[in-house]
Structures are given as C-alpha cells and as structure tokens.
Amino acid sequence: MGFGIFFCTSPLYADTSLVLKPFTASFSVKRNVIPLGKLELKFSLNGTGDYVYHAHTMPGMLAGWFSADEVIEESRGRLSNNSIHPSHYTYQGEDGEKENTALSFDWNSAEVETTSHGVTWSQSITPGTQDKLSQQLLVRLDLAQEREEMTYQVADGGKIKSYHFRVDGEEQIKTPYGQLRCLRVMRSKASRKPDYTIWFAPELDYLPVKIERRQSGRTYRMVLDELKMENN
C-alpha cells in the first residue's frame, strides 16, 4: 500500500509500552452542526499490565460510538507482549436488564461466554479476539508499531465479527492542543465499504481526536474536547 511515509516514529513511540498510558478524555458529538451529546473515556493500567477501559455515552448520541441512549461499557483485561487480551466486557443500556450484555473470555478453552437477555451461550475464539472496546486499544498499539492495515476478530452482538482498519493518509487536525499531525484511518466491517473515518494523533499516544460517520446524507462527527494523561 505504500503508507510508510506517514509514520515518523520518534524514540518516544518506538516502545509501544509507552503508548497506552492511563488517561481520561471527553468528546462532543454532532450531527452535521447539531450538538447530540458527550462521550467520556477512561483508561487505567496497573504495574502488572491489568487494564480497565471505561466508556460512558451521554443521552442524545447515535448508534455505535454515537448511541441514542445512555450507555456504559467496560472492558477489563491484560496488556502483554504489545497486545491486548480482554477478559471481561460489559454493556449496560438505559433500559436496564433488557439492554445488559456481559462477555467472559476463557483463553484456556479458547471460548467466549456471552450473557444477554437472560440467555448464556459460548463461542469458539481464536488468539487475538477482542471485544468492542478493547479493539480501540489494540489499533493504537498497532499504529505505533507502524502497521498500515489491521484486521481483528471481535466478539460483538453475540457473534464474532471481522473489523478492518486501513491507514488512508495523513492530515493536520485542529484540536484543543493545537494543530496536530494525524493518521487518517478507514474502518470497515468484513468486506463492506468503510463506515468510519478516524484520525489518530501520534503526539497524543495515537488517541483518536476526530471520528466521522456518514449515514443517510448526514455526517456524524465526534471530536476531542479534553484529555488528561498520566505516566505509568
């Protein structure tokens, strides 16, 4: 694909263990120019590599990252060997039990157990399978390792789905922290056309600073408002 020119790896980002540092970030979401809501992300990591990744979408946002309801998601697992190994994922919607989903990864038996709507079932998984939140962490690690295309198997909605990310170019993006060089990445499911465009900022540890989705003639846009980062 020839996207090597878009990666200017500095000593700071050569060690991917430095990429996923604890942080708290808030994003605003708009449909065209209409404000829709907020998303808050919080990532914590202890000295042994155990992580907790928490996402809270506020009312008024739209599906997926842009959800119409208040949604709380959380992924727990371990960062090891420059990869993410999720152990538990939970999804809680505003409708309570009807909207709750829990995933438990058993890597010894290579299965993920899903509980939703009071029903529990298991599926086989392959090494590297992610949950919906943990894939957001893994793509940052892979970009820091100068990967240009990544495909992940993701336990999502009771199925194992394939998510594909491809570096499409480089842009300067205006953020609360100044004009930043960003990698423009296209995301697609399986063999479908890309459904999201995501701009990752190497200077902010490859955190996404802008996400766009075009649907039914409308543009849904999420942009970074505030970021607080900590050193491990």
Protein backbone atom coordinates (compact mmCIF):
# COMPACT_ATOMS: atom_id res chain seq x y z
CA MET A 1 0.00 0.00 0.00
CA GLY A 2 2.98 2.30 0.48
CA PHE A 3 1.92 4.29 3.52
CA GLY A 4 5.31 4.14 5.24
CA ILE A 5 5.88 7.88 4.70
CA PHE A 6 3.03 8.65 7.08
CA PHE A 7 4.84 7.14 10.08
CA CYS A 8 7.56 9.28 11.63
CA THR A 9 8.38 7.16 14.66
CA SER A 10 10.25 9.06 17.35
CA PRO A 11 12.07 7.41 20.29
CA LEU A 12 9.05 8.23 22.46
CA TYR A 13 6.79 5.94 20.40
CA ALA A 14 9.30 3.24 19.48
CA ASP A 15 8.43 1.41 22.72
CA THR A 16 4.73 0.58 22.47
CA SER A 17 4.54 0.04 26.23
CA LEU A 18 4.61 3.86 26.40
CA VAL A 19 1.58 4.25 24.12
CA LEU A 20 -1.20 3.03 26.39
CA LYS A 21 -0.84 5.26 29.42
CA PRO A 22 -3.73 5.95 31.79
CA PHE A 23 -5.95 8.77 30.52
CA THR A 24 -9.34 10.42 30.81
CA ALA A 25 -10.85 12.02 27.72
CA SER A 26 -14.12 13.70 26.80
CA PHE A 27 -15.58 14.07 23.31
CA SER A 28 -18.52 16.02 21.89
CA VAL A 29 -20.76 14.62 19.16
CA LYS A 30 -22.69 16.47 16.46
CA ARG A 31 -24.96 15.53 13.58
CA ASN A 32 -23.92 18.00 10.90
CA VAL A 33 -23.84 21.12 13.14
CA ILE A 34 -26.40 19.96 15.73
CA PRO A 35 -24.96 19.01 19.15
CA LEU A 36 -26.02 15.50 20.19
CA GLY A 37 -24.17 14.61 23.36
CA LYS A 38 -20.95 13.57 25.03
CA LEU A 39 -18.68 10.57 25.36
CA GLU A 40 -16.27 10.08 28.25
CA LEU A 41 -13.43 7.54 28.10
CA LYS A 42 -11.23 6.47 30.98
CA PHE A 43 -8.31 4.03 30.76
CA SER A 44 -6.37 2.74 33.78
CA LEU A 45 -3.40 0.39 33.83
CA ASN A 46 -1.54 -1.08 36.79
CA GLY A 47 2.09 -2.12 37.07
CA THR A 48 1.40 -5.76 36.15
CA GLY A 49 -0.41 -4.91 32.90
CA ASP A 50 -4.03 -5.27 34.05
CA TYR A 51 -6.25 -2.63 32.45
CA VAL A 52 -9.76 -1.22 32.81
CA TYR A 53 -11.25 0.72 29.87
CA HIS A 54 -14.50 2.56 30.63
CA ALA A 55 -16.79 4.36 28.17
CA HIS A 56 -19.85 6.43 29.12
CA THR A 57 -22.05 7.81 26.35
CA MET A 58 -24.49 10.50 27.43
CA PRO A 59 -28.10 10.78 26.19
CA GLY A 60 -28.58 12.22 22.74
CA MET A 61 -25.88 10.38 20.82
CA LEU A 62 -26.32 7.94 17.91
CA ALA A 63 -25.56 4.24 17.23
CA GLY A 64 -22.24 2.56 17.99
CA TRP A 65 -19.85 5.23 19.20
CA PHE A 66 -22.84 7.53 18.53
CA SER A 67 -25.59 5.92 20.63
CA ALA A 68 -29.11 7.28 21.08
CA ASP A 69 -29.30 6.19 24.72
CA GLU A 70 -27.14 6.48 27.79
CA VAL A 71 -24.72 3.57 27.62
CA ILE A 72 -21.95 2.41 29.94
CA GLU A 73 -19.38 -0.03 28.56
CA GLU A 74 -16.33 -1.51 30.24
CA SER A 75 -13.52 -3.79 29.11
CA ARG A 76 -11.13 -5.47 31.51
CA GLY A 77 -8.09 -7.50 30.59
CA ARG A 78 -4.34 -7.51 30.28
CA LEU A 79 -1.75 -5.69 28.20
CA SER A 80 1.05 -8.12 27.36
CA ASN A 81 3.58 -8.57 24.54
CA ASN A 82 2.35 -5.45 22.74
CA SER A 83 -1.15 -6.87 22.51
CA ILE A 84 -4.48 -6.69 24.31
CA HIS A 85 -6.03 -9.75 25.95
CA PRO A 86 -9.57 -8.95 27.15
CA SER A 87 -11.05 -10.99 29.99
CA HIS A 88 -14.43 -9.33 30.63
CA TYR A 89 -16.67 -6.89 28.78
CA THR A 90 -19.98 -5.38 29.95
CA TYR A 91 -22.58 -3.26 28.19
CA GLN A 92 -25.32 -1.52 30.14
CA GLY A 93 -28.07 0.48 28.41
CA GLU A 94 -30.59 2.80 29.98
CA ASP A 95 -33.33 0.14 29.74
CA GLY A 96 -31.64 -1.85 32.49
CA GLU A 97 -31.63 -5.65 32.34
CA LYS A 98 -33.09 -5.76 28.82
CA GLU A 99 -30.08 -3.90 27.47
CA ASN A 100 -27.36 -5.59 29.55
CA THR A 101 -24.73 -7.79 27.93
CA ALA A 102 -21.70 -9.45 29.53
CA LEU A 103 -18.81 -11.29 27.88
CA SER A 104 -16.29 -13.51 29.65
CA PHE A 105 -13.18 -14.68 27.77
CA ASP A 106 -11.69 -18.06 28.65
CA TRP A 107 -8.37 -18.21 26.85
CA ASN A 108 -7.50 -21.67 28.18
CA SER A 109 -10.52 -23.20 26.47
CA ALA A 110 -10.49 -20.66 23.59
CA GLU A 111 -14.11 -19.64 24.19
CA VAL A 112 -16.06 -16.51 24.96
CA GLU A 113 -19.23 -16.76 27.04
CA THR A 114 -21.94 -14.21 26.29
CA THR A 115 -24.91 -13.43 28.54
CA SER A 116 -27.69 -11.26 27.09
CA HIS A 117 -31.44 -11.02 27.71
CA GLY A 118 -31.09 -13.72 30.36
CA VAL A 119 -29.56 -16.23 27.93
CA THR A 120 -25.97 -17.51 28.09
CA TRP A 121 -24.05 -19.21 25.29
CA SER A 122 -20.43 -19.88 24.33
CA GLN A 123 -18.49 -19.48 21.09
CA SER A 124 -15.05 -20.53 19.97
CA ILE A 125 -12.47 -17.76 19.59
CA THR A 126 -9.05 -17.51 18.01
CA PRO A 127 -5.98 -15.91 19.62
CA GLY A 128 -6.23 -12.13 19.46
CA THR A 129 -10.04 -11.91 19.52
CA GLN A 130 -11.19 -8.60 21.00
CA ASP A 131 -14.30 -7.03 22.48
CA LYS A 132 -15.84 -3.83 21.12
CA LEU A 133 -13.81 -1.58 23.44
CA SER A 134 -10.51 -3.45 23.55
CA GLN A 135 -10.14 -3.23 19.77
CA GLN A 136 -9.86 0.55 20.22
CA LEU A 137 -6.77 -0.01 22.35
CA LEU A 138 -5.24 -2.60 20.05
CA VAL A 139 -5.46 -0.40 16.96
CA ARG A 140 -3.45 2.28 18.79
CA LEU A 141 -0.75 -0.24 19.66
CA ASP A 142 -0.61 -1.47 16.08
CA LEU A 143 -0.37 2.04 14.63
CA ALA A 144 2.53 2.72 16.99
CA GLN A 145 4.24 -0.36 15.51
CA GLU A 146 3.86 1.20 12.05
CA ARG A 147 1.24 -1.24 10.84
CA GLU A 148 -0.73 0.02 7.84
CA GLU A 149 -3.59 -2.48 7.78
CA MET A 150 -5.11 -4.44 10.66
CA THR A 151 -7.96 -6.93 10.85
CA TYR A 152 -9.40 -8.01 14.19
CA GLN A 153 -11.90 -10.66 15.17
CA VAL A 154 -14.33 -9.02 17.60
CA ALA A 155 -16.95 -10.58 19.86
CA ASP A 156 -19.85 -8.22 19.12
CA GLY A 157 -23.59 -8.69 19.46
CA GLY A 158 -23.35 -12.40 20.17
CA LYS A 159 -21.31 -13.03 17.04
CA ILE A 160 -17.66 -12.99 16.03
CA LYS A 161 -17.26 -10.15 13.53
CA SER A 162 -14.31 -9.01 11.45
CA TYR A 163 -13.22 -5.36 11.75
CA HIS A 164 -10.68 -3.95 9.30
CA PHE A 165 -8.61 -0.77 9.75
CA ARG A 166 -6.54 0.79 6.96
CA VAL A 167 -4.30 3.88 7.02
CA ASP A 168 -5.58 6.14 4.25
CA GLY A 169 -3.34 9.17 4.62
CA GLU A 170 -2.20 11.98 6.88
CA GLU A 171 -3.85 15.29 7.81
CA GLN A 172 -3.31 18.24 10.09
CA ILE A 173 -6.26 18.37 12.51
CA LYS A 174 -7.19 21.28 14.75
CA THR A 175 -7.56 20.17 18.38
CA PRO A 176 -7.72 21.87 21.81
CA TYR A 177 -3.98 21.13 21.95
CA GLY A 178 -3.11 22.83 18.69
CA GLN A 179 -2.77 21.67 15.11
CA LEU A 180 -1.68 18.02 15.18
CA ARG A 181 -0.43 15.63 12.53
CA CYS A 182 -2.88 12.73 12.40
CA LEU A 183 -3.16 9.41 10.63
CA ARG A 184 -6.45 9.12 8.76
CA VAL A 185 -7.73 5.56 9.18
CA MET A 186 -10.72 3.92 7.48
CA ARG A 187 -12.68 1.30 9.42
CA SER A 188 -14.92 -1.32 7.84
CA LYS A 189 -16.74 -4.49 8.88
CA ALA A 190 -15.98 -7.70 6.98
CA SER A 191 -15.93 -6.91 3.25
CA ARG A 192 -18.23 -3.90 3.45
CA LYS A 193 -17.32 -0.35 2.50
CA PRO A 194 -15.69 1.76 5.25
CA ASP A 195 -18.24 3.05 7.74
CA TYR A 196 -15.98 5.23 9.92
CA THR A 197 -13.08 7.59 9.32
CA ILE A 198 -10.85 8.03 12.37
CA TRP A 199 -7.99 10.49 12.88
CA PHE A 200 -5.31 9.23 15.30
CA ALA A 201 -2.75 11.67 16.73
CA PRO A 202 0.76 10.18 17.32
CA GLU A 203 1.61 13.15 19.57
CA LEU A 204 -1.27 12.11 21.88
CA ASP A 205 -0.20 8.45 22.03
CA TYR A 206 -2.29 7.65 18.93
CA LEU A 207 -5.53 8.64 20.63
CA PRO A 208 -8.33 9.38 18.13
CA VAL A 209 -9.06 13.11 18.06
CA LYS A 210 -11.85 13.01 15.47
CA ILE A 211 -14.25 10.34 14.21
CA GLU A 212 -16.74 10.71 11.37
CA ARG A 213 -19.55 8.57 10.04
CA ARG A 214 -21.68 9.44 7.03
CA GLN A 215 -25.14 7.91 7.01
CA SER A 216 -28.30 8.76 5.04
CA GLY A 217 -26.83 12.04 3.82
CA ARG A 218 -25.86 13.16 7.31
CA THR A 219 -22.44 13.46 8.89
CA TYR A 220 -21.98 12.36 12.49
CA ARG A 221 -18.79 13.75 13.98
CA MET A 222 -17.08 13.14 17.33
CA VAL A 223 -14.22 15.43 18.36
CA LEU A 224 -11.88 15.54 21.33
CA ASP A 225 -12.69 18.25 23.87
CA GLU A 226 -10.37 17.47 26.77
CA LEU A 227 -7.61 14.99 27.59
CA LYS A 228 -5.82 14.23 30.83
CA MET A 229 -2.91 11.78 30.60
CA GLU A 230 -0.84 10.17 33.31
CA ASN A 231 2.53 8.43 33.31
CA ASN A 232 2.60 4.77 34.39
